[in-house]
């Protein structure tokens, strides 16, 4: 009986060391890909906001829908899978905060790269 205690302690420590990013279930978009999708979505939204100032609202809605479809296509996912993945992340506030933090870092990286 006492011999099993060190094994249990080691297994518990190993489980505790597992990062939350590694623990994202397979049916959801994985963390690194979700960061890129979220960054792309921010670009789509910004583009839509800029277009809203100079075009008809209906044309803008069609353009944004097409842009969203392109983002999901680029990452081999769907709107439904993205939505369920986002719900998963939203139910894990620390993970959601990290997701937004990394998305902002990605946007800043892209901006810096574009300015060079």
PDB file of N, CA and C in Angstrom:
ATOM      1  N   UNK A   1       0.814  -1.188   0.000  1.00  0.00           N
ATOM      2  CA  UNK A   1       0.000   0.000   0.000  1.00  0.00           C
ATOM      3  C   UNK A   1       0.862   1.257   0.000  1.00  0.00           C
ATOM      4  N   UNK A   2       1.868   1.296   0.867  1.00  0.00           N
ATOM      5  CA  UNK A   2       2.722   2.469   0.943  1.00  0.00           C
ATOM      6  C   UNK A   2       3.558   2.658  -0.313  1.00  0.00           C
ATOM      7  N   UNK A   3       3.785   1.584  -1.047  1.00  0.00           N
ATOM      8  CA  UNK A   3       4.553   1.675  -2.292  1.00  0.00           C
ATOM      9  C   UNK A   3       3.769   2.399  -3.378  1.00  0.00           C
ATOM     10  N   UNK A   4       2.469   2.394  -3.300  1.00  0.00           N
ATOM     11  CA  UNK A   4       1.627   3.052  -4.308  1.00  0.00           C
ATOM     12  C   UNK A   4       1.574   4.565  -4.116  1.00  0.00           C
ATOM     13  N   UNK A   5       1.841   5.039  -2.918  1.00  0.00           N
ATOM     14  CA  UNK A   5       1.751   6.476  -2.636  1.00  0.00           C
ATOM     15  C   UNK A   5       2.738   7.285  -3.486  1.00  0.00           C
ATOM     16  N   UNK A   6       4.024   6.903  -3.589  1.00  0.00           N
ATOM     17  CA  UNK A   6       4.932   7.688  -4.444  1.00  0.00           C
ATOM     18  C   UNK A   6       4.482   7.702  -5.917  1.00  0.00           C
ATOM     19  N   UNK A   7       3.934   6.605  -6.373  1.00  0.00           N
ATOM     20  CA  UNK A   7       3.444   6.545  -7.754  1.00  0.00           C
ATOM     21  C   UNK A   7       2.284   7.524  -7.937  1.00  0.00           C
ATOM     22  N   UNK A   8       1.360   7.552  -6.994  1.00  0.00           N
ATOM     23  CA  UNK A   8       0.235   8.485  -7.058  1.00  0.00           C
ATOM     24  C   UNK A   8       0.700   9.935  -7.011  1.00  0.00           C
ATOM     25  N   UNK A   9       1.691  10.209  -6.187  1.00  0.00           N
ATOM     26  CA  UNK A   9       2.222  11.577  -6.096  1.00  0.00           C
ATOM     27  C   UNK A   9       2.838  11.984  -7.431  1.00  0.00           C
ATOM     28  N   UNK A  10       3.619  11.115  -8.029  1.00  0.00           N
ATOM     29  CA  UNK A  10       4.247  11.423  -9.317  1.00  0.00           C
ATOM     30  C   UNK A  10       3.187  11.635 -10.390  1.00  0.00           C
ATOM     31  N   UNK A  11       2.176  10.789 -10.440  1.00  0.00           N
ATOM     32  CA  UNK A  11       1.110  10.943 -11.430  1.00  0.00           C
ATOM     33  C   UNK A  11       0.351  12.253 -11.224  1.00  0.00           C
ATOM     34  N   UNK A  12       0.113  12.616  -9.979  1.00  0.00           N
ATOM     35  CA  UNK A  12      -0.573  13.872  -9.678  1.00  0.00           C
ATOM     36  C   UNK A  12       0.268  15.060 -10.121  1.00  0.00           C
ATOM     37  N   UNK A  13       1.551  15.012  -9.857  1.00  0.00           N
ATOM     38  CA  UNK A  13       2.441  16.106 -10.278  1.00  0.00           C
ATOM     39  C   UNK A  13       2.511  16.217 -11.794  1.00  0.00           C
ATOM     40  N   UNK A  14       2.569  15.103 -12.479  1.00  0.00           N
ATOM     41  CA  UNK A  14       2.596  15.125 -13.941  1.00  0.00           C
ATOM     42  C   UNK A  14       1.317  15.728 -14.507  1.00  0.00           C
ATOM     43  N   UNK A  15       0.196  15.374 -13.925  1.00  0.00           N
ATOM     44  CA  UNK A  15      -1.078  15.930 -14.380  1.00  0.00           C
ATOM     45  C   UNK A  15      -1.133  17.429 -14.121  1.00  0.00           C
ATOM     46  N   UNK A  16      -0.590  17.878 -13.014  1.00  0.00           N
ATOM     47  CA  UNK A  16      -0.605  19.304 -12.676  1.00  0.00           C
ATOM     48  C   UNK A  16       0.314  20.106 -13.594  1.00  0.00           C
ATOM     49  N   UNK A  17       1.348  19.496 -14.096  1.00  0.00           N
ATOM     50  CA  UNK A  17       2.286  20.198 -14.984  1.00  0.00           C
ATOM     51  C   UNK A  17       1.746  20.391 -16.384  1.00  0.00           C
ATOM     52  N   UNK A  18       0.729  19.670 -16.747  1.00  0.00           N
ATOM     53  CA  UNK A  18       0.142  19.771 -18.074  1.00  0.00           C
ATOM     54  C   UNK A  18      -0.463  21.160 -18.255  1.00  0.00           C
ATOM     55  N   UNK A  19      -0.037  21.892 -19.302  1.00  0.00           N
ATOM     56  CA  UNK A  19      -0.568  23.241 -19.513  1.00  0.00           C
ATOM     57  C   UNK A  19      -1.984  23.173 -20.055  1.00  0.00           C
ATOM     58  N   UNK A  20      -2.742  24.231 -19.817  1.00  0.00           N
ATOM     59  CA  UNK A  20      -4.133  24.263 -20.272  1.00  0.00           C
ATOM     60  C   UNK A  20      -4.220  24.245 -21.792  1.00  0.00           C
ATOM     61  N   UNK A  21      -3.192  24.762 -22.479  1.00  0.00           N
ATOM     62  CA  UNK A  21      -3.213  24.745 -23.938  1.00  0.00           C
ATOM     63  C   UNK A  21      -3.134  23.323 -24.472  1.00  0.00           C
ATOM     64  N   UNK A  22      -2.353  22.487 -23.809  1.00  0.00           N
ATOM     65  CA  UNK A  22      -2.214  21.102 -24.232  1.00  0.00           C
ATOM     66  C   UNK A  22      -3.483  20.307 -23.955  1.00  0.00           C
ATOM     67  N   UNK A  23      -4.314  20.808 -23.042  1.00  0.00           N
ATOM     68  CA  UNK A  23      -5.475  20.067 -22.607  1.00  0.00           C
ATOM     69  C   UNK A  23      -6.741  20.368 -23.415  1.00  0.00           C
ATOM     70  N   UNK A  24      -6.644  21.171 -24.459  1.00  0.00           N
ATOM     71  CA  UNK A  24      -7.821  21.484 -25.265  1.00  0.00           C
ATOM     72  C   UNK A  24      -8.278  20.206 -25.967  1.00  0.00           C
ATOM     73  N   UNK A  25      -9.521  19.797 -25.735  1.00  0.00           N
ATOM     74  CA  UNK A  25     -10.013  18.570 -26.374  1.00  0.00           C
ATOM     75  C   UNK A  25      -9.929  18.650 -27.904  1.00  0.00           C
ATOM     76  N   UNK A  26      -9.745  17.513 -28.519  1.00  0.00           N
ATOM     77  CA  UNK A  26      -9.498  17.441 -29.962  1.00  0.00           C
ATOM     78  C   UNK A  26     -10.640  17.983 -30.813  1.00  0.00           C
ATOM     79  N   UNK A  27     -11.871  17.956 -30.316  1.00  0.00           N
ATOM     80  CA  UNK A  27     -12.991  18.418 -31.135  1.00  0.00           C
ATOM     81  C   UNK A  27     -13.016  19.937 -31.287  1.00  0.00           C
ATOM     82  N   UNK A  28     -12.193  20.624 -30.496  1.00  0.00           N
ATOM     83  CA  UNK A  28     -12.138  22.085 -30.579  1.00  0.00           C
ATOM     84  C   UNK A  28     -10.905  22.527 -31.345  1.00  0.00           C
ATOM     85  N   UNK A  29     -10.967  23.744 -31.893  1.00  0.00           N
ATOM     86  CA  UNK A  29      -9.807  24.325 -32.563  1.00  0.00           C
ATOM     87  C   UNK A  29      -8.711  24.490 -31.507  1.00  0.00           C
ATOM     88  N   UNK A  30      -7.528  24.013 -31.820  1.00  0.00           N
ATOM     89  CA  UNK A  30      -6.437  24.052 -30.863  1.00  0.00           C
ATOM     90  C   UNK A  30      -5.943  25.488 -30.656  1.00  0.00           C
ATOM     91  N   UNK A  31      -5.304  25.714 -29.517  1.00  0.00           N
ATOM     92  CA  UNK A  31      -4.971  27.053 -29.044  1.00  0.00           C
ATOM     93  C   UNK A  31      -4.209  27.882 -30.085  1.00  0.00           C
ATOM     94  N   UNK A  32      -3.112  27.371 -30.609  1.00  0.00           N
ATOM     95  CA  UNK A  32      -2.291  28.157 -31.544  1.00  0.00           C
ATOM     96  C   UNK A  32      -3.072  28.531 -32.803  1.00  0.00           C
ATOM     97  N   UNK A  33      -3.883  27.625 -33.293  1.00  0.00           N
ATOM     98  CA  UNK A  33      -4.704  27.909 -34.470  1.00  0.00           C
ATOM     99  C   UNK A  33      -5.795  28.911 -34.117  1.00  0.00           C
ATOM    100  N   UNK A  34      -6.366  28.772 -32.939  1.00  0.00           N
ATOM    101  CA  UNK A  34      -7.417  29.699 -32.497  1.00  0.00           C
ATOM    102  C   UNK A  34      -6.865  31.121 -32.395  1.00  0.00           C
ATOM    103  N   UNK A  35      -5.635  31.265 -31.955  1.00  0.00           N
ATOM    104  CA  UNK A  35      -4.989  32.587 -31.884  1.00  0.00           C
ATOM    105  C   UNK A  35      -4.965  33.224 -33.266  1.00  0.00           C
ATOM    106  N   UNK A  36      -4.552  32.459 -34.263  1.00  0.00           N
ATOM    107  CA  UNK A  36      -4.470  32.981 -35.634  1.00  0.00           C
ATOM    108  C   UNK A  36      -5.844  33.319 -36.198  1.00  0.00           C
ATOM    109  N   UNK A  37      -6.817  32.463 -35.931  1.00  0.00           N
ATOM    110  CA  UNK A  37      -8.186  32.724 -36.401  1.00  0.00           C
ATOM    111  C   UNK A  37      -8.719  33.999 -35.767  1.00  0.00           C
ATOM    112  N   UNK A  38      -8.515  34.144 -34.467  1.00  0.00           N
ATOM    113  CA  UNK A  38      -9.005  35.336 -33.773  1.00  0.00           C
ATOM    114  C   UNK A  38      -8.336  36.602 -34.328  1.00  0.00           C
ATOM    115  N   UNK A  39      -7.064  36.522 -34.632  1.00  0.00           N
ATOM    116  CA  UNK A  39      -6.373  37.671 -35.217  1.00  0.00           C
ATOM    117  C   UNK A  39      -6.961  37.989 -36.591  1.00  0.00           C
ATOM    118  N   UNK A  40      -7.181  36.975 -37.402  1.00  0.00           N
ATOM    119  CA  UNK A  40      -7.766  37.186 -38.729  1.00  0.00           C
ATOM    120  C   UNK A  40      -9.171  37.770 -38.631  1.00  0.00           C
ATOM    121  N   UNK A  41      -9.937  37.318 -37.654  1.00  0.00           N
ATOM    122  CA  UNK A  41     -11.290  37.838 -37.475  1.00  0.00           C
ATOM    123  C   UNK A  41     -11.250  39.320 -37.101  1.00  0.00           C
ATOM    124  N   UNK A  42     -10.283  39.701 -36.295  1.00  0.00           N
ATOM    125  CA  UNK A  42     -10.155  41.121 -35.946  1.00  0.00           C
ATOM    126  C   UNK A  42      -9.861  41.961 -37.187  1.00  0.00           C
ATOM    127  N   UNK A  43      -9.062  41.421 -38.092  1.00  0.00           N
ATOM    128  CA  UNK A  43      -8.767  42.116 -39.345  1.00  0.00           C
ATOM    129  C   UNK A  43     -10.038  42.230 -40.190  1.00  0.00           C
ATOM    130  N   UNK A  44     -10.813  41.157 -40.268  1.00  0.00           N
ATOM    131  CA  UNK A  44     -12.081  41.176 -41.015  1.00  0.00           C
ATOM    132  C   UNK A  44     -13.021  42.227 -40.433  1.00  0.00           C
ATOM    133  N   UNK A  45     -13.131  42.250 -39.120  1.00  0.00           N
ATOM    134  CA  UNK A  45     -14.015  43.223 -38.463  1.00  0.00           C
ATOM    135  C   UNK A  45     -13.548  44.657 -38.708  1.00  0.00           C
ATOM    136  N   UNK A  46     -12.251  44.887 -38.627  1.00  0.00           N
ATOM    137  CA  UNK A  46     -11.716  46.234 -38.877  1.00  0.00           C
ATOM    138  C   UNK A  46     -11.979  46.660 -40.320  1.00  0.00           C
ATOM    139  N   UNK A  47     -11.771  45.734 -41.234  1.00  0.00           N
ATOM    140  CA  UNK A  47     -12.046  46.010 -42.648  1.00  0.00           C
ATOM    141  C   UNK A  47     -13.526  46.349 -42.842  1.00  0.00           C
ATOM    142  N   UNK A  48     -14.392  45.606 -42.169  1.00  0.00           N
ATOM    143  CA  UNK A  48     -15.826  45.862 -42.254  1.00  0.00           C
ATOM    144  C   UNK A  48     -16.194  47.222 -41.691  1.00  0.00           C
ATOM    145  N   UNK A  49     -15.575  47.594 -40.591  1.00  0.00           N
ATOM    146  CA  UNK A  49     -15.843  48.903 -40.000  1.00  0.00           C
ATOM    147  C   UNK A  49     -15.400  50.035 -40.916  1.00  0.00           C
ATOM    148  N   UNK A  50     -14.272  49.859 -41.567  1.00  0.00           N
ATOM    149  CA  UNK A  50     -13.807  50.876 -42.514  1.00  0.00           C
ATOM    150  C   UNK A  50     -14.723  50.967 -43.726  1.00  0.00           C
ATOM    151  N   UNK A  51     -15.164  49.814 -44.210  1.00  0.00           N
ATOM    152  CA  UNK A  51     -16.035  49.780 -45.390  1.00  0.00           C
ATOM    153  C   UNK A  51     -17.405  50.373 -45.084  1.00  0.00           C
ATOM    154  N   UNK A  52     -17.851  50.244 -43.860  1.00  0.00           N
ATOM    155  CA  UNK A  52     -19.154  50.768 -43.462  1.00  0.00           C
ATOM    156  C   UNK A  52     -19.267  52.270 -43.703  1.00  0.00           C
ATOM    157  N   UNK A  53     -18.157  52.938 -43.601  1.00  0.00           N
ATOM    158  CA  UNK A  53     -18.158  54.385 -43.788  1.00  0.00           C
ATOM    159  C   UNK A  53     -18.348  54.804 -45.239  1.00  0.00           C
ATOM    160  N   UNK A  54     -18.002  53.929 -46.178  1.00  0.00           N
ATOM    161  CA  UNK A  54     -18.031  54.339 -47.566  1.00  0.00           C
ATOM    162  C   UNK A  54     -18.936  53.545 -48.487  1.00  0.00           C
ATOM    163  N   UNK A  55     -19.668  52.557 -47.953  1.00  0.00           N
ATOM    164  CA  UNK A  55     -20.499  51.757 -48.842  1.00  0.00           C
ATOM    165  C   UNK A  55     -21.839  51.438 -48.198  1.00  0.00           C
ATOM    166  N   UNK A  56     -22.655  50.783 -48.974  1.00  0.00           N
ATOM    167  CA  UNK A  56     -23.971  50.393 -48.474  1.00  0.00           C
ATOM    168  C   UNK A  56     -23.823  49.281 -47.440  1.00  0.00           C
ATOM    169  N   UNK A  57     -24.661  49.318 -46.444  1.00  0.00           N
ATOM    170  CA  UNK A  57     -24.589  48.359 -45.348  1.00  0.00           C
ATOM    171  C   UNK A  57     -24.773  46.931 -45.842  1.00  0.00           C
ATOM    172  N   UNK A  58     -25.697  46.700 -46.761  1.00  0.00           N
ATOM    173  CA  UNK A  58     -25.959  45.339 -47.264  1.00  0.00           C
ATOM    174  C   UNK A  58     -24.730  44.787 -47.974  1.00  0.00           C
ATOM    175  N   UNK A  59     -24.061  45.596 -48.805  1.00  0.00           N
ATOM    176  CA  UNK A  59     -22.841  45.148 -49.476  1.00  0.00           C
ATOM    177  C   UNK A  59     -21.767  44.785 -48.458  1.00  0.00           C
ATOM    178  N   UNK A  60     -21.697  45.563 -47.409  1.00  0.00           N
ATOM    179  CA  UNK A  60     -20.709  45.327 -46.363  1.00  0.00           C
ATOM    180  C   UNK A  60     -20.963  43.998 -45.658  1.00  0.00           C
ATOM    181  N   UNK A  61     -22.230  43.666 -45.380  1.00  0.00           N
ATOM    182  CA  UNK A  61     -22.567  42.400 -44.723  1.00  0.00           C
ATOM    183  C   UNK A  61     -22.154  41.211 -45.578  1.00  0.00           C
ATOM    184  N   UNK A  62     -22.372  41.312 -46.871  1.00  0.00           N
ATOM    185  CA  UNK A  62     -21.989  40.232 -47.786  1.00  0.00           C
ATOM    186  C   UNK A  62     -20.472  40.085 -47.804  1.00  0.00           C
ATOM    187  N   UNK A  63     -19.766  41.208 -47.840  1.00  0.00           N
ATOM    188  CA  UNK A  63     -18.299  41.168 -47.845  1.00  0.00           C
ATOM    189  C   UNK A  63     -17.736  40.550 -46.585  1.00  0.00           C
ATOM    190  N   UNK A  64     -18.286  40.919 -45.440  1.00  0.00           N
ATOM    191  CA  UNK A  64     -17.809  40.364 -44.171  1.00  0.00           C
ATOM    192  C   UNK A  64     -18.101  38.866 -44.101  1.00  0.00           C
ATOM    193  N   UNK A  65     -19.277  38.459 -44.535  1.00  0.00           N
ATOM    194  CA  UNK A  65     -19.624  37.025 -44.525  1.00  0.00           C
ATOM    195  C   UNK A  65     -18.640  36.242 -45.385  1.00  0.00           C
ATOM    196  N   UNK A  66     -18.320  36.763 -46.551  1.00  0.00           N
ATOM    197  CA  UNK A  66     -17.356  36.112 -47.437  1.00  0.00           C
ATOM    198  C   UNK A  66     -15.970  36.064 -46.792  1.00  0.00           C
ATOM    199  N   UNK A  67     -15.578  37.153 -46.141  1.00  0.00           N
ATOM    200  CA  UNK A  67     -14.274  37.186 -45.479  1.00  0.00           C
ATOM    201  C   UNK A  67     -14.201  36.175 -44.335  1.00  0.00           C
ATOM    202  N   UNK A  68     -15.275  36.071 -43.561  1.00  0.00           N
ATOM    203  CA  UNK A  68     -15.321  35.068 -42.491  1.00  0.00           C
ATOM    204  C   UNK A  68     -15.197  33.665 -43.073  1.00  0.00           C
ATOM    205  N   UNK A  69     -15.925  33.392 -44.127  1.00  0.00           N
ATOM    206  CA  UNK A  69     -15.858  32.073 -44.763  1.00  0.00           C
ATOM    207  C   UNK A  69     -14.439  31.772 -45.220  1.00  0.00           C
ATOM    208  N   UNK A  70     -13.748  32.784 -45.732  1.00  0.00           N
ATOM    209  CA  UNK A  70     -12.372  32.596 -46.188  1.00  0.00           C
ATOM    210  C   UNK A  70     -11.446  32.277 -45.007  1.00  0.00           C
ATOM    211  N   UNK A  71     -11.641  32.964 -43.897  1.00  0.00           N
ATOM    212  CA  UNK A  71     -10.828  32.684 -42.702  1.00  0.00           C
ATOM    213  C   UNK A  71     -11.020  31.234 -42.276  1.00  0.00           C
ATOM    214  N   UNK A  72     -12.263  30.797 -42.178  1.00  0.00           N
ATOM    215  CA  UNK A  72     -12.520  29.422 -41.748  1.00  0.00           C
ATOM    216  C   UNK A  72     -11.958  28.417 -42.763  1.00  0.00           C
ATOM    217  N   UNK A  73     -12.083  28.722 -44.029  1.00  0.00           N
ATOM    218  CA  UNK A  73     -11.526  27.858 -45.075  1.00  0.00           C
ATOM    219  C   UNK A  73     -10.008  27.760 -44.921  1.00  0.00           C
ATOM    220  N   UNK A  74      -9.358  28.895 -44.682  1.00  0.00           N
ATOM    221  CA  UNK A  74      -7.894  28.917 -44.554  1.00  0.00           C
ATOM    222  C   UNK A  74      -7.394  28.022 -43.423  1.00  0.00           C
ATOM    223  N   UNK A  75      -8.211  27.873 -42.383  1.00  0.00           N
ATOM    224  CA  UNK A  75      -7.801  27.067 -41.229  1.00  0.00           C
ATOM    225  C   UNK A  75      -8.512  25.715 -41.179  1.00  0.00           C
ATOM    226  N   UNK A  76      -9.117  25.334 -42.284  1.00  0.00           N
ATOM    227  CA  UNK A  76      -9.763  24.027 -42.405  1.00  0.00           C
ATOM    228  C   UNK A  76     -10.761  23.768 -41.273  1.00  0.00           C
ATOM    229  N   UNK A  77     -11.593  24.775 -41.027  1.00  0.00           N
ATOM    230  CA  UNK A  77     -12.614  24.627 -39.991  1.00  0.00           C
ATOM    231  C   UNK A  77     -13.916  25.226 -40.497  1.00  0.00           C
ATOM    232  N   UNK A  78     -14.914  25.234 -39.654  1.00  0.00           N
ATOM    233  CA  UNK A  78     -16.222  25.770 -40.025  1.00  0.00           C
ATOM    234  C   UNK A  78     -16.669  26.790 -38.991  1.00  0.00           C
ATOM    235  N   UNK A  79     -17.694  27.536 -39.344  1.00  0.00           N
ATOM    236  CA  UNK A  79     -18.274  28.495 -38.401  1.00  0.00           C
ATOM    237  C   UNK A  79     -18.755  27.769 -37.146  1.00  0.00           C
ATOM    238  N   UNK A  80     -19.398  26.621 -37.335  1.00  0.00           N
ATOM    239  CA  UNK A  80     -19.923  25.861 -36.195  1.00  0.00           C
ATOM    240  C   UNK A  80     -18.800  25.379 -35.274  1.00  0.00           C
ATOM    241  N   UNK A  81     -17.724  24.882 -35.849  1.00  0.00           N
ATOM    242  CA  UNK A  81     -16.601  24.403 -35.024  1.00  0.00           C
ATOM    243  C   UNK A  81     -15.930  25.573 -34.320  1.00  0.00           C
ATOM    244  N   UNK A  82     -15.787  26.691 -35.025  1.00  0.00           N
ATOM    245  CA  UNK A  82     -15.228  27.878 -34.391  1.00  0.00           C
ATOM    246  C   UNK A  82     -16.112  28.306 -33.219  1.00  0.00           C
ATOM    247  N   UNK A  83     -17.424  28.372 -33.436  1.00  0.00           N
ATOM    248  CA  UNK A  83     -18.351  28.804 -32.387  1.00  0.00           C
ATOM    249  C   UNK A  83     -18.272  27.890 -31.158  1.00  0.00           C
ATOM    250  N   UNK A  84     -18.260  26.579 -31.385  1.00  0.00           N
ATOM    251  CA  UNK A  84     -18.186  25.664 -30.239  1.00  0.00           C
ATOM    252  C   UNK A  84     -16.828  25.785 -29.547  1.00  0.00           C
ATOM    253  N   UNK A  85     -15.783  26.017 -30.323  1.00  0.00           N
ATOM    254  CA  UNK A  85     -14.451  26.200 -29.740  1.00  0.00           C
ATOM    255  C   UNK A  85     -14.402  27.478 -28.911  1.00  0.00           C
ATOM    256  N   UNK A  86     -14.969  28.541 -29.449  1.00  0.00           N
ATOM    257  CA  UNK A  86     -14.986  29.799 -28.711  1.00  0.00           C
ATOM    258  C   UNK A  86     -15.759  29.641 -27.398  1.00  0.00           C
ATOM    259  N   UNK A  87     -16.847  28.903 -27.427  1.00  0.00           N
ATOM    260  CA  UNK A  87     -17.620  28.632 -26.216  1.00  0.00           C
ATOM    261  C   UNK A  87     -16.771  27.875 -25.206  1.00  0.00           C
ATOM    262  N   UNK A  88     -15.997  26.904 -25.686  1.00  0.00           N
ATOM    263  CA  UNK A  88     -15.100  26.160 -24.802  1.00  0.00           C
ATOM    264  C   UNK A  88     -14.112  27.113 -24.134  1.00  0.00           C
ATOM    265  N   UNK A  89     -13.471  27.974 -24.925  1.00  0.00           N
ATOM    266  CA  UNK A  89     -12.492  28.908 -24.370  1.00  0.00           C
ATOM    267  C   UNK A  89     -13.167  29.892 -23.410  1.00  0.00           C
ATOM    268  N   UNK A  90     -14.363  30.345 -23.746  1.00  0.00           N
ATOM    269  CA  UNK A  90     -15.079  31.303 -22.901  1.00  0.00           C
ATOM    270  C   UNK A  90     -15.439  30.698 -21.546  1.00  0.00           C
ATOM    271  N   UNK A  91     -15.590  29.398 -21.486  1.00  0.00           N
ATOM    272  CA  UNK A  91     -15.895  28.730 -20.219  1.00  0.00           C
ATOM    273  C   UNK A  91     -14.644  28.545 -19.365  1.00  0.00           C
ATOM    274  N   UNK A  92     -13.498  28.879 -19.916  1.00  0.00           N
ATOM    275  CA  UNK A  92     -12.218  28.792 -19.208  1.00  0.00           C
ATOM    276  C   UNK A  92     -11.572  30.180 -19.227  1.00  0.00           C
ATOM    277  N   UNK A  93     -11.962  31.054 -18.305  1.00  0.00           N
ATOM    278  CA  UNK A  93     -11.553  32.466 -18.362  1.00  0.00           C
ATOM    279  C   UNK A  93     -10.047  32.708 -18.479  1.00  0.00           C
ATOM    280  N   UNK A  94      -9.231  31.934 -17.767  1.00  0.00           N
ATOM    281  CA  UNK A  94      -7.779  32.124 -17.867  1.00  0.00           C
ATOM    282  C   UNK A  94      -7.295  31.802 -19.274  1.00  0.00           C
ATOM    283  N   UNK A  95      -7.848  30.753 -19.845  1.00  0.00           N
ATOM    284  CA  UNK A  95      -7.475  30.358 -21.205  1.00  0.00           C
ATOM    285  C   UNK A  95      -7.965  31.393 -22.219  1.00  0.00           C
ATOM    286  N   UNK A  96      -9.172  31.923 -22.000  1.00  0.00           N
ATOM    287  CA  UNK A  96      -9.708  32.961 -22.888  1.00  0.00           C
ATOM    288  C   UNK A  96      -8.850  34.218 -22.816  1.00  0.00           C
ATOM    289  N   UNK A  97      -8.447  34.614 -21.612  1.00  0.00           N
ATOM    290  CA  UNK A  97      -7.570  35.779 -21.468  1.00  0.00           C
ATOM    291  C   UNK A  97      -6.261  35.576 -22.224  1.00  0.00           C
ATOM    292  N   UNK A  98      -5.706  34.377 -22.083  1.00  0.00           N
ATOM    293  CA  UNK A  98      -4.446  34.076 -22.784  1.00  0.00           C
ATOM    294  C   UNK A  98      -4.661  34.068 -24.296  1.00  0.00           C
ATOM    295  N   UNK A  99      -5.813  33.579 -24.728  1.00  0.00           N
ATOM    296  CA  UNK A  99      -6.145  33.562 -26.153  1.00  0.00           C
ATOM    297  C   UNK A  99      -6.162  34.994 -26.709  1.00  0.00           C
ATOM    298  N   UNK A 100      -6.842  35.889 -26.009  1.00  0.00           N
ATOM    299  CA  UNK A 100      -6.884  37.282 -26.455  1.00  0.00           C
ATOM    300  C   UNK A 100      -5.507  37.942 -26.389  1.00  0.00           C
ATOM    301  N   UNK A 101      -4.762  37.649 -25.342  1.00  0.00           N
ATOM    302  CA  UNK A 101      -3.417  38.203 -25.207  1.00  0.00           C
ATOM    303  C   UNK A 101      -2.536  37.793 -26.390  1.00  0.00           C
ATOM    304  N   UNK A 102      -2.564  36.517 -26.721  1.00  0.00           N
ATOM    305  CA  UNK A 102      -1.747  36.009 -27.835  1.00  0.00           C
ATOM    306  C   UNK A 102      -2.253  36.537 -29.184  1.00  0.00           C
ATOM    307  N   UNK A 103      -3.560  36.726 -29.303  1.00  0.00           N
ATOM    308  CA  UNK A 103      -4.116  37.283 -30.549  1.00  0.00           C
ATOM    309  C   UNK A 103      -3.644  38.720 -30.752  1.00  0.00           C
ATOM    310  N   UNK A 104      -3.627  39.487 -29.673  1.00  0.00           N
ATOM    311  CA  UNK A 104      -3.133  40.864 -29.751  1.00  0.00           C
ATOM    312  C   UNK A 104      -1.651  40.876 -30.099  1.00  0.00           C
ATOM    313  N   UNK A 105      -0.887  39.983 -29.493  1.00  0.00           N
ATOM    314  CA  UNK A 105       0.538  39.871 -29.834  1.00  0.00           C
ATOM    315  C   UNK A 105       0.711  39.541 -31.315  1.00  0.00           C
ATOM    316  N   UNK A 106      -0.124  38.647 -31.830  1.00  0.00           N
ATOM    317  CA  UNK A 106      -0.062  38.283 -33.257  1.00  0.00           C
ATOM    318  C   UNK A 106      -0.378  39.484 -34.138  1.00  0.00           C
ATOM    319  N   UNK A 107      -1.404  40.241 -33.777  1.00  0.00           N
ATOM    320  CA  UNK A 107      -1.749  41.439 -34.555  1.00  0.00           C
ATOM    321  C   UNK A 107      -0.625  42.464 -34.505  1.00  0.00           C
ATOM    322  N   UNK A 108      -0.009  42.643 -33.356  1.00  0.00           N
ATOM    323  CA  UNK A 108       1.121  43.559 -33.239  1.00  0.00           C
ATOM    324  C   UNK A 108       2.301  43.087 -34.079  1.00  0.00           C
ATOM    325  N   UNK A 109       2.531  41.774 -34.078  1.00  0.00           N
ATOM    326  CA  UNK A 109       3.623  41.208 -34.892  1.00  0.00           C
ATOM    327  C   UNK A 109       3.360  41.481 -36.378  1.00  0.00           C
ATOM    328  N   UNK A 110       2.135  41.268 -36.809  1.00  0.00           N
ATOM    329  CA  UNK A 110       1.779  41.509 -38.206  1.00  0.00           C
ATOM    330  C   UNK A 110       1.935  42.987 -38.558  1.00  0.00           C
ATOM    331  N   UNK A 111       1.507  43.845 -37.664  1.00  0.00           N
ATOM    332  CA  UNK A 111       1.597  45.279 -37.893  1.00  0.00           C
ATOM    333  C   UNK A 111       3.056  45.712 -38.017  1.00  0.00           C
ATOM    334  N   UNK A 112       3.893  45.217 -37.122  1.00  0.00           N
ATOM    335  CA  UNK A 112       5.319  45.536 -37.171  1.00  0.00           C
ATOM    336  C   UNK A 112       5.941  45.047 -38.473  1.00  0.00           C
ATOM    337  N   UNK A 113       5.558  43.854 -38.872  1.00  0.00           N
ATOM    338  CA  UNK A 113       6.073  43.268 -40.107  1.00  0.00           C
ATOM    339  C   UNK A 113       5.619  44.074 -41.326  1.00  0.00           C
ATOM    340  N   UNK A 114       4.384  44.550 -41.306  1.00  0.00           N
ATOM    341  CA  UNK A 114       3.839  45.315 -42.427  1.00  0.00           C
ATOM    342  C   UNK A 114       4.503  46.682 -42.547  1.00  0.00           C
ATOM    343  N   UNK A 115       4.962  47.232 -41.443  1.00  0.00           N
ATOM    344  CA  UNK A 115       5.595  48.551 -41.444  1.00  0.00           C
ATOM    345  C   UNK A 115       7.037  48.532 -41.896  1.00  0.00           C
ATOM    346  N   UNK A 116       7.619  47.348 -41.978  1.00  0.00           N
ATOM    347  CA  UNK A 116       9.035  47.246 -42.391  1.00  0.00           C
ATOM    348  C   UNK A 116       9.180  47.441 -43.870  1.00  0.00           C
TER     349      UNK A 116
END
